[in-house]
Amino acid sequence: MFIGVISDTHGVFDPEFRKFLEPVDQIWHAGDFGGGLELAEEIAAFKPLIGVAGNCDNHNLRFLHPMYRLFECEGLKVLMIHVGGYPGRYDVKARQLIEQYKPDIFVCGHSHILKIMRDPRHDNMLVINPGAAGIQGFHIVRTALRFHIDNGRIHGMELFELDR
């Protein structure tokens, strides 16, 4: 499975991001689509979408994209939530979900800061924050990720950057 990961689009899904994500099988969106359903529907029409609502998304979006998701991909358990944090500094709700579900991959957004790291305190769980793909916020560079998952193995992590 070839996965694309984005977050914090805030209503923007540029052609450059489309081109980067064109070869992926599925897009994971870690929240803050941009308020309502419009952008989520646009992305879902482009590629199969698994997303969560962010703090800037409205209630209509939350009917289709809940506050967190737990799902399996190629033998790996994935937990996705918008406000997540990172090892040693997880949000309270994120930490509770991590301890409850023990995911292999934890995906979050919100900070607009790209981070990919392992958490040795949680069975070496892979923590992914793809940064921000939109133009709203303090970040200077807009980012997206893509990688392969084959039979429980993650490989070929690629970063896309676009100046804001």
N, C-alpha and C. Protein backbone atom coordinates (compact mmCIF):
# COMPACT_ATOMS: atom_id res chain seq x y z
N MET A 1 0.85 -1.17 0.00
CA MET A 1 0.00 0.00 0.00
C MET A 1 0.90 1.24 0.00
N PHE A 2 0.60 2.17 -0.86
CA PHE A 2 1.34 3.43 -0.95
C PHE A 2 0.46 4.49 -0.30
N ILE A 3 0.98 5.13 0.75
CA ILE A 3 0.20 6.04 1.59
C ILE A 3 0.73 7.46 1.46
N GLY A 4 -0.18 8.43 1.33
CA GLY A 4 0.16 9.84 1.41
C GLY A 4 -0.42 10.39 2.70
N VAL A 5 0.33 11.26 3.37
CA VAL A 5 -0.12 11.83 4.64
C VAL A 5 -0.02 13.35 4.58
N ILE A 6 -1.14 14.01 4.90
CA ILE A 6 -1.19 15.46 4.96
C ILE A 6 -1.97 15.89 6.19
N SER A 7 -1.85 17.15 6.51
CA SER A 7 -2.60 17.72 7.63
C SER A 7 -2.68 19.22 7.45
N ASP A 8 -3.57 19.83 8.18
CA ASP A 8 -3.67 21.28 8.26
C ASP A 8 -3.67 21.94 6.88
N THR A 9 -4.56 21.46 6.02
CA THR A 9 -4.72 22.05 4.69
C THR A 9 -5.45 23.38 4.77
N HIS A 10 -6.33 23.53 5.73
CA HIS A 10 -7.07 24.78 5.94
C HIS A 10 -7.67 25.31 4.64
N GLY A 11 -8.29 24.41 3.88
CA GLY A 11 -9.01 24.81 2.68
C GLY A 11 -8.21 24.84 1.40
N VAL A 12 -6.94 24.43 1.43
CA VAL A 12 -6.06 24.53 0.26
C VAL A 12 -5.51 23.16 -0.11
N PHE A 13 -5.66 22.77 -1.37
CA PHE A 13 -5.09 21.52 -1.89
C PHE A 13 -4.55 21.82 -3.29
N ASP A 14 -3.32 22.32 -3.32
CA ASP A 14 -2.71 22.82 -4.54
C ASP A 14 -2.36 21.73 -5.55
N PRO A 15 -2.21 22.11 -6.83
CA PRO A 15 -1.80 21.15 -7.86
C PRO A 15 -0.47 20.47 -7.56
N GLU A 16 0.44 21.17 -6.91
CA GLU A 16 1.74 20.57 -6.57
C GLU A 16 1.57 19.42 -5.58
N PHE A 17 0.66 19.57 -4.64
CA PHE A 17 0.39 18.49 -3.69
C PHE A 17 -0.31 17.33 -4.39
N ARG A 18 -1.23 17.65 -5.28
CA ARG A 18 -1.91 16.62 -6.07
C ARG A 18 -0.90 15.79 -6.86
N LYS A 19 0.05 16.47 -7.49
CA LYS A 19 1.06 15.77 -8.29
C LYS A 19 1.89 14.84 -7.41
N PHE A 20 2.32 15.33 -6.23
CA PHE A 20 3.10 14.51 -5.30
C PHE A 20 2.30 13.29 -4.84
N LEU A 21 1.01 13.48 -4.61
CA LEU A 21 0.16 12.41 -4.07
C LEU A 21 -0.50 11.56 -5.16
N GLU A 22 -0.32 11.90 -6.41
CA GLU A 22 -0.95 11.16 -7.51
C GLU A 22 -0.68 9.65 -7.47
N PRO A 23 0.54 9.21 -7.19
CA PRO A 23 0.77 7.76 -7.23
C PRO A 23 0.30 6.98 -6.00
N VAL A 24 -0.14 7.66 -4.93
CA VAL A 24 -0.50 6.93 -3.71
C VAL A 24 -1.83 6.21 -3.87
N ASP A 25 -2.01 5.17 -3.07
CA ASP A 25 -3.25 4.40 -3.06
C ASP A 25 -4.30 5.02 -2.14
N GLN A 26 -3.82 5.73 -1.13
CA GLN A 26 -4.72 6.24 -0.09
C GLN A 26 -4.09 7.48 0.54
N ILE A 27 -4.92 8.44 0.94
CA ILE A 27 -4.45 9.63 1.65
C ILE A 27 -4.99 9.59 3.08
N TRP A 28 -4.09 9.82 4.02
CA TRP A 28 -4.48 10.00 5.41
C TRP A 28 -4.37 11.50 5.70
N HIS A 29 -5.45 12.08 6.22
CA HIS A 29 -5.47 13.52 6.54
C HIS A 29 -5.66 13.65 8.05
N ALA A 30 -4.69 14.28 8.70
CA ALA A 30 -4.68 14.37 10.16
C ALA A 30 -5.36 15.63 10.69
N GLY A 31 -6.40 16.09 10.01
CA GLY A 31 -7.26 17.13 10.55
C GLY A 31 -6.97 18.55 10.13
N ASP A 32 -7.94 19.41 10.41
CA ASP A 32 -8.00 20.79 9.95
C ASP A 32 -8.02 20.85 8.43
N PHE A 33 -9.07 20.23 7.88
CA PHE A 33 -9.30 20.26 6.44
C PHE A 33 -9.52 21.70 5.97
N GLY A 34 -10.25 22.44 6.76
CA GLY A 34 -10.55 23.81 6.37
C GLY A 34 -11.95 24.21 6.73
N GLY A 35 -12.48 23.63 7.76
CA GLY A 35 -13.80 24.01 8.23
C GLY A 35 -14.86 22.98 7.89
N GLY A 36 -15.41 23.07 6.68
CA GLY A 36 -16.52 22.20 6.28
C GLY A 36 -16.08 21.03 5.44
N LEU A 37 -17.07 20.45 4.75
CA LEU A 37 -16.85 19.22 3.99
C LEU A 37 -16.23 19.43 2.61
N GLU A 38 -16.21 20.64 2.09
CA GLU A 38 -15.83 20.87 0.70
C GLU A 38 -14.47 20.28 0.35
N LEU A 39 -13.42 20.63 1.11
CA LEU A 39 -12.09 20.14 0.77
C LEU A 39 -11.99 18.64 1.02
N ALA A 40 -12.60 18.14 2.07
CA ALA A 40 -12.57 16.70 2.34
C ALA A 40 -13.19 15.94 1.16
N GLU A 41 -14.29 16.44 0.64
CA GLU A 41 -14.92 15.80 -0.52
C GLU A 41 -14.04 15.88 -1.76
N GLU A 42 -13.35 17.01 -1.94
CA GLU A 42 -12.44 17.17 -3.08
C GLU A 42 -11.29 16.15 -3.00
N ILE A 43 -10.71 16.00 -1.82
CA ILE A 43 -9.61 15.05 -1.65
C ILE A 43 -10.11 13.62 -1.83
N ALA A 44 -11.28 13.31 -1.28
CA ALA A 44 -11.86 11.96 -1.39
C ALA A 44 -12.20 11.62 -2.84
N ALA A 45 -12.53 12.62 -3.65
CA ALA A 45 -12.79 12.38 -5.08
C ALA A 45 -11.48 12.11 -5.83
N PHE A 46 -10.38 12.62 -5.30
CA PHE A 46 -9.05 12.45 -5.90
C PHE A 46 -8.46 11.09 -5.56
N LYS A 47 -8.50 10.69 -4.29
CA LYS A 47 -7.95 9.43 -3.80
C LYS A 47 -8.78 8.96 -2.61
N PRO A 48 -8.80 7.65 -2.35
CA PRO A 48 -9.46 7.18 -1.13
C PRO A 48 -8.87 7.89 0.09
N LEU A 49 -9.74 8.33 0.98
CA LEU A 49 -9.35 9.20 2.09
C LEU A 49 -9.74 8.60 3.43
N ILE A 50 -8.80 8.64 4.36
CA ILE A 50 -9.08 8.38 5.77
C ILE A 50 -8.67 9.65 6.50
N GLY A 51 -9.62 10.27 7.18
CA GLY A 51 -9.30 11.53 7.84
C GLY A 51 -9.93 11.64 9.20
N VAL A 52 -9.42 12.60 9.96
CA VAL A 52 -9.98 12.96 11.25
C VAL A 52 -10.26 14.46 11.25
N ALA A 53 -11.20 14.85 12.07
CA ALA A 53 -11.52 16.27 12.21
C ALA A 53 -10.47 16.95 13.08
N GLY A 54 -10.24 18.21 12.78
CA GLY A 54 -9.34 19.01 13.59
C GLY A 54 -10.10 20.05 14.38
N ASN A 55 -9.39 20.82 15.17
CA ASN A 55 -10.03 21.82 16.01
C ASN A 55 -10.66 22.96 15.21
N CYS A 56 -10.27 23.13 13.94
CA CYS A 56 -10.85 24.19 13.10
C CYS A 56 -11.96 23.66 12.17
N ASP A 57 -12.27 22.38 12.25
CA ASP A 57 -13.29 21.79 11.38
C ASP A 57 -14.66 21.83 12.06
N ASN A 58 -15.71 21.99 11.24
CA ASN A 58 -17.04 22.13 11.82
C ASN A 58 -17.74 20.78 12.06
N HIS A 59 -18.92 20.83 12.63
CA HIS A 59 -19.65 19.62 13.01
C HIS A 59 -20.07 18.80 11.79
N ASN A 60 -20.37 19.43 10.67
CA ASN A 60 -20.74 18.66 9.47
C ASN A 60 -19.61 17.73 9.05
N LEU A 61 -18.38 18.22 9.10
CA LEU A 61 -17.23 17.39 8.75
C LEU A 61 -17.06 16.26 9.75
N ARG A 62 -17.35 16.54 11.00
CA ARG A 62 -17.13 15.54 12.05
C ARG A 62 -18.08 14.34 11.96
N PHE A 63 -19.18 14.47 11.21
CA PHE A 63 -20.05 13.32 10.99
C PHE A 63 -19.36 12.27 10.12
N LEU A 64 -18.51 12.71 9.20
CA LEU A 64 -17.80 11.79 8.30
C LEU A 64 -16.38 11.49 8.76
N HIS A 65 -15.77 12.45 9.44
CA HIS A 65 -14.39 12.31 9.88
C HIS A 65 -14.35 12.58 11.38
N PRO A 66 -14.33 11.54 12.19
CA PRO A 66 -14.41 11.70 13.65
C PRO A 66 -13.14 12.33 14.23
N MET A 67 -13.16 12.57 15.51
CA MET A 67 -12.03 13.21 16.19
C MET A 67 -10.79 12.32 16.22
N TYR A 68 -10.96 11.01 16.20
CA TYR A 68 -9.81 10.10 16.06
C TYR A 68 -10.26 8.86 15.33
N ARG A 69 -9.29 8.16 14.77
CA ARG A 69 -9.56 6.90 14.07
C ARG A 69 -8.51 5.88 14.46
N LEU A 70 -8.95 4.65 14.58
CA LEU A 70 -8.08 3.50 14.77
C LEU A 70 -8.39 2.55 13.62
N PHE A 71 -7.39 2.20 12.84
CA PHE A 71 -7.60 1.31 11.70
C PHE A 71 -6.34 0.50 11.45
N GLU A 72 -6.47 -0.50 10.60
CA GLU A 72 -5.33 -1.35 10.26
C GLU A 72 -4.95 -1.13 8.80
N CYS A 73 -3.65 -1.15 8.55
CA CYS A 73 -3.14 -1.03 7.19
C CYS A 73 -1.97 -1.98 7.03
N GLU A 74 -2.14 -2.96 6.16
CA GLU A 74 -1.06 -3.91 5.86
C GLU A 74 -0.46 -4.52 7.12
N GLY A 75 -1.30 -4.90 8.07
CA GLY A 75 -0.85 -5.56 9.28
C GLY A 75 -0.38 -4.64 10.39
N LEU A 76 -0.47 -3.33 10.19
CA LEU A 76 -0.08 -2.37 11.23
C LEU A 76 -1.30 -1.63 11.75
N LYS A 77 -1.33 -1.45 13.07
CA LYS A 77 -2.41 -0.71 13.70
C LYS A 77 -2.06 0.77 13.69
N VAL A 78 -2.98 1.59 13.15
CA VAL A 78 -2.75 3.03 13.00
C VAL A 78 -3.76 3.80 13.86
N LEU A 79 -3.26 4.75 14.63
CA LEU A 79 -4.09 5.66 15.40
C LEU A 79 -3.85 7.06 14.85
N MET A 80 -4.94 7.75 14.50
CA MET A 80 -4.83 9.10 13.96
C MET A 80 -5.74 10.04 14.75
N ILE A 81 -5.18 11.19 15.13
CA ILE A 81 -5.90 12.22 15.86
C ILE A 81 -5.27 13.56 15.47
N HIS A 82 -6.01 14.63 15.52
CA HIS A 82 -5.44 15.91 15.09
C HIS A 82 -4.44 16.45 16.12
N VAL A 83 -4.89 16.68 17.34
CA VAL A 83 -4.00 17.21 18.38
C VAL A 83 -3.37 16.01 19.08
N GLY A 84 -2.08 15.81 18.82
CA GLY A 84 -1.44 14.61 19.34
C GLY A 84 -0.22 14.83 20.19
N GLY A 85 0.66 15.71 19.77
CA GLY A 85 1.92 15.88 20.48
C GLY A 85 2.98 14.92 19.95
N TYR A 86 3.96 14.63 20.78
CA TYR A 86 5.05 13.76 20.38
C TYR A 86 5.62 13.09 21.63
N PRO A 87 6.52 12.12 21.48
CA PRO A 87 7.00 11.36 22.64
C PRO A 87 7.46 12.26 23.79
N GLY A 88 6.94 11.95 24.96
CA GLY A 88 7.24 12.72 26.16
C GLY A 88 6.35 13.94 26.33
N ARG A 89 5.60 14.31 25.28
CA ARG A 89 4.74 15.50 25.34
C ARG A 89 3.43 15.27 24.59
N TYR A 90 2.83 14.11 24.79
CA TYR A 90 1.55 13.82 24.14
C TYR A 90 0.42 14.62 24.79
N ASP A 91 -0.55 15.00 23.99
CA ASP A 91 -1.79 15.55 24.49
C ASP A 91 -2.45 14.49 25.38
N VAL A 92 -3.22 14.92 26.37
CA VAL A 92 -3.83 13.98 27.33
C VAL A 92 -4.68 12.93 26.62
N LYS A 93 -5.57 13.35 25.72
CA LYS A 93 -6.44 12.40 25.01
C LYS A 93 -5.61 11.46 24.13
N ALA A 94 -4.62 12.00 23.44
CA ALA A 94 -3.76 11.17 22.60
C ALA A 94 -3.04 10.12 23.43
N ARG A 95 -2.50 10.52 24.57
CA ARG A 95 -1.79 9.57 25.43
C ARG A 95 -2.72 8.46 25.91
N GLN A 96 -3.95 8.82 26.27
CA GLN A 96 -4.91 7.80 26.70
C GLN A 96 -5.18 6.79 25.58
N LEU A 97 -5.37 7.30 24.36
CA LEU A 97 -5.64 6.42 23.21
C LEU A 97 -4.44 5.56 22.87
N ILE A 98 -3.24 6.11 22.96
CA ILE A 98 -2.02 5.34 22.70
C ILE A 98 -1.90 4.20 23.70
N GLU A 99 -2.13 4.51 24.96
CA GLU A 99 -2.03 3.48 26.00
C GLU A 99 -3.13 2.43 25.87
N GLN A 100 -4.31 2.85 25.45
CA GLN A 100 -5.43 1.93 25.29
C GLN A 100 -5.26 1.01 24.08
N TYR A 101 -4.87 1.57 22.93
CA TYR A 101 -4.86 0.81 21.68
C TYR A 101 -3.49 0.29 21.26
N LYS A 102 -2.42 0.85 21.80
CA LYS A 102 -1.06 0.41 21.48
C LYS A 102 -0.81 0.31 19.97
N PRO A 103 -0.92 1.45 19.26
CA PRO A 103 -0.75 1.43 17.81
C PRO A 103 0.71 1.23 17.40
N ASP A 104 0.90 0.79 16.17
CA ASP A 104 2.23 0.71 15.58
C ASP A 104 2.63 2.06 14.98
N ILE A 105 1.62 2.78 14.47
CA ILE A 105 1.83 4.10 13.86
C ILE A 105 0.86 5.09 14.51
N PHE A 106 1.39 6.23 14.92
CA PHE A 106 0.57 7.30 15.48
C PHE A 106 0.71 8.52 14.57
N VAL A 107 -0.40 8.99 14.00
CA VAL A 107 -0.41 10.12 13.07
C VAL A 107 -1.18 11.27 13.70
N CYS A 108 -0.59 12.45 13.67
CA CYS A 108 -1.27 13.63 14.20
C CYS A 108 -0.87 14.84 13.37
N GLY A 109 -1.51 15.95 13.66
CA GLY A 109 -1.23 17.21 12.98
C GLY A 109 -1.17 18.33 14.00
N HIS A 110 -1.83 19.43 13.71
CA HIS A 110 -2.07 20.56 14.60
C HIS A 110 -0.88 21.50 14.77
N SER A 111 0.31 20.99 14.99
CA SER A 111 1.46 21.85 15.30
C SER A 111 2.01 22.59 14.08
N HIS A 112 1.69 22.10 12.89
CA HIS A 112 2.24 22.63 11.63
C HIS A 112 3.73 22.36 11.53
N ILE A 113 4.25 21.49 12.37
CA ILE A 113 5.68 21.16 12.39
C ILE A 113 5.87 19.71 11.99
N LEU A 114 6.61 19.48 10.93
CA LEU A 114 6.91 18.13 10.45
C LEU A 114 7.77 17.40 11.47
N LYS A 115 7.33 16.22 11.87
CA LYS A 115 8.11 15.37 12.77
C LYS A 115 7.85 13.92 12.42
N ILE A 116 8.92 13.16 12.34
CA ILE A 116 8.85 11.71 12.16
C ILE A 116 9.85 11.13 13.15
N MET A 117 9.37 10.33 14.08
CA MET A 117 10.26 9.78 15.10
C MET A 117 9.67 8.49 15.67
N ARG A 118 10.49 7.77 16.35
CA ARG A 118 10.07 6.56 17.07
C ARG A 118 9.90 6.90 18.55
N ASP A 119 8.97 6.20 19.19
CA ASP A 119 8.76 6.36 20.62
C ASP A 119 9.16 5.07 21.32
N PRO A 120 10.37 5.04 21.89
CA PRO A 120 10.83 3.80 22.54
C PRO A 120 10.01 3.41 23.76
N ARG A 121 9.28 4.37 24.35
CA ARG A 121 8.44 4.07 25.52
C ARG A 121 7.15 3.35 25.14
N HIS A 122 6.82 3.37 23.85
CA HIS A 122 5.60 2.72 23.38
C HIS A 122 5.93 1.75 22.25
N ASP A 123 6.75 0.75 22.57
CA ASP A 123 7.11 -0.32 21.64
C ASP A 123 7.65 0.20 20.32
N ASN A 124 8.41 1.28 20.37
CA ASN A 124 9.03 1.86 19.18
C ASN A 124 8.01 2.32 18.14
N MET A 125 6.83 2.73 18.63
CA MET A 125 5.77 3.23 17.76
C MET A 125 6.31 4.35 16.88
N LEU A 126 5.93 4.34 15.60
CA LEU A 126 6.31 5.40 14.67
C LEU A 126 5.34 6.56 14.83
N VAL A 127 5.86 7.75 15.13
CA VAL A 127 5.07 8.96 15.31
C VAL A 127 5.28 9.83 14.07
N ILE A 128 4.17 10.19 13.41
CA ILE A 128 4.23 10.97 12.19
C ILE A 128 3.35 12.20 12.32
N ASN A 129 3.95 13.36 12.13
CA ASN A 129 3.21 14.61 11.95
C ASN A 129 3.69 15.16 10.61
N PRO A 130 2.81 15.20 9.60
CA PRO A 130 3.26 15.62 8.28
C PRO A 130 3.45 17.13 8.12
N GLY A 131 3.31 17.88 9.20
CA GLY A 131 3.41 19.34 9.09
C GLY A 131 2.12 19.90 8.52
N ALA A 132 2.20 21.02 7.84
CA ALA A 132 1.01 21.68 7.31
C ALA A 132 1.10 21.80 5.79
N ALA A 133 0.03 21.40 5.12
CA ALA A 133 -0.04 21.50 3.66
C ALA A 133 -0.70 22.80 3.21
N GLY A 134 -1.34 23.50 4.12
CA GLY A 134 -2.05 24.73 3.78
C GLY A 134 -1.19 25.96 3.97
N ILE A 135 -1.82 27.11 3.76
CA ILE A 135 -1.08 28.37 3.85
C ILE A 135 -1.39 29.14 5.13
N GLN A 136 -2.35 28.67 5.91
CA GLN A 136 -2.70 29.35 7.16
C GLN A 136 -1.78 28.87 8.27
N GLY A 137 -1.21 29.79 9.03
CA GLY A 137 -0.35 29.43 10.14
C GLY A 137 1.01 30.08 10.04
N PHE A 138 1.88 29.72 10.97
CA PHE A 138 3.19 30.36 11.08
C PHE A 138 4.29 29.66 10.29
N HIS A 139 4.03 28.47 9.78
CA HIS A 139 5.07 27.69 9.11
C HIS A 139 5.54 28.40 7.84
N ILE A 140 6.79 28.15 7.48
CA ILE A 140 7.40 28.77 6.30
C ILE A 140 7.33 27.83 5.10
N VAL A 141 7.45 26.54 5.38
CA VAL A 141 7.43 25.53 4.32
C VAL A 141 6.21 24.64 4.52
N ARG A 142 5.49 24.38 3.44
CA ARG A 142 4.34 23.47 3.45
C ARG A 142 4.84 22.07 3.11
N THR A 143 4.29 21.06 3.78
CA THR A 143 4.85 19.72 3.64
C THR A 143 3.78 18.64 3.50
N ALA A 144 4.20 17.52 2.93
CA ALA A 144 3.40 16.30 2.82
C ALA A 144 4.37 15.12 2.81
N LEU A 145 3.85 13.95 3.14
CA LEU A 145 4.67 12.74 3.16
C LEU A 145 4.01 11.65 2.33
N ARG A 146 4.82 10.72 1.89
CA ARG A 146 4.30 9.49 1.31
C ARG A 146 5.30 8.38 1.61
N PHE A 147 4.76 7.16 1.76
CA PHE A 147 5.59 6.00 2.09
C PHE A 147 4.84 4.73 1.75
N HIS A 148 5.56 3.64 1.74
CA HIS A 148 4.98 2.32 1.46
C HIS A 148 4.84 1.54 2.75
N ILE A 149 3.76 0.74 2.82
CA ILE A 149 3.60 -0.25 3.88
C ILE A 149 3.36 -1.58 3.19
N ASP A 150 4.26 -2.53 3.44
CA ASP A 150 4.15 -3.86 2.86
C ASP A 150 4.28 -4.89 3.97
N ASN A 151 3.23 -5.65 4.19
CA ASN A 151 3.26 -6.74 5.17
C ASN A 151 3.88 -6.31 6.49
N GLY A 152 3.41 -5.19 7.03
CA GLY A 152 3.87 -4.73 8.33
C GLY A 152 5.19 -3.99 8.32
N ARG A 153 5.72 -3.69 7.15
CA ARG A 153 7.02 -2.99 7.04
C ARG A 153 6.82 -1.65 6.35
N ILE A 154 7.32 -0.58 6.97
CA ILE A 154 7.24 0.77 6.42
C ILE A 154 8.57 1.07 5.73
N HIS A 155 8.49 1.58 4.50
CA HIS A 155 9.73 1.93 3.80
C HIS A 155 9.47 3.00 2.75
N GLY A 156 10.55 3.59 2.26
CA GLY A 156 10.48 4.56 1.19
C GLY A 156 9.81 5.87 1.58
N MET A 157 10.06 6.35 2.78
CA MET A 157 9.47 7.62 3.24
C MET A 157 10.00 8.76 2.38
N GLU A 158 9.08 9.55 1.80
CA GLU A 158 9.44 10.69 0.97
C GLU A 158 8.74 11.95 1.49
N LEU A 159 9.46 13.05 1.42
CA LEU A 159 8.97 14.35 1.87
C LEU A 159 8.77 15.27 0.68
N PHE A 160 7.65 15.99 0.67
CA PHE A 160 7.41 17.02 -0.32
C PHE A 160 7.38 18.36 0.41
N GLU A 161 8.07 19.34 -0.13
CA GLU A 161 8.10 20.67 0.46
C GLU A 161 7.72 21.71 -0.59
N LEU A 162 6.97 22.70 -0.16
CA LEU A 162 6.55 23.79 -1.03
C LEU A 162 6.60 25.07 -0.20
N ASP A 163 7.29 26.08 -0.70
CA ASP A 163 7.35 27.36 0.02
C ASP A 163 5.94 27.93 0.20
N ARG A 164 5.72 28.51 1.35
CA ARG A 164 4.44 29.14 1.63
C ARG A 164 4.35 30.46 0.92
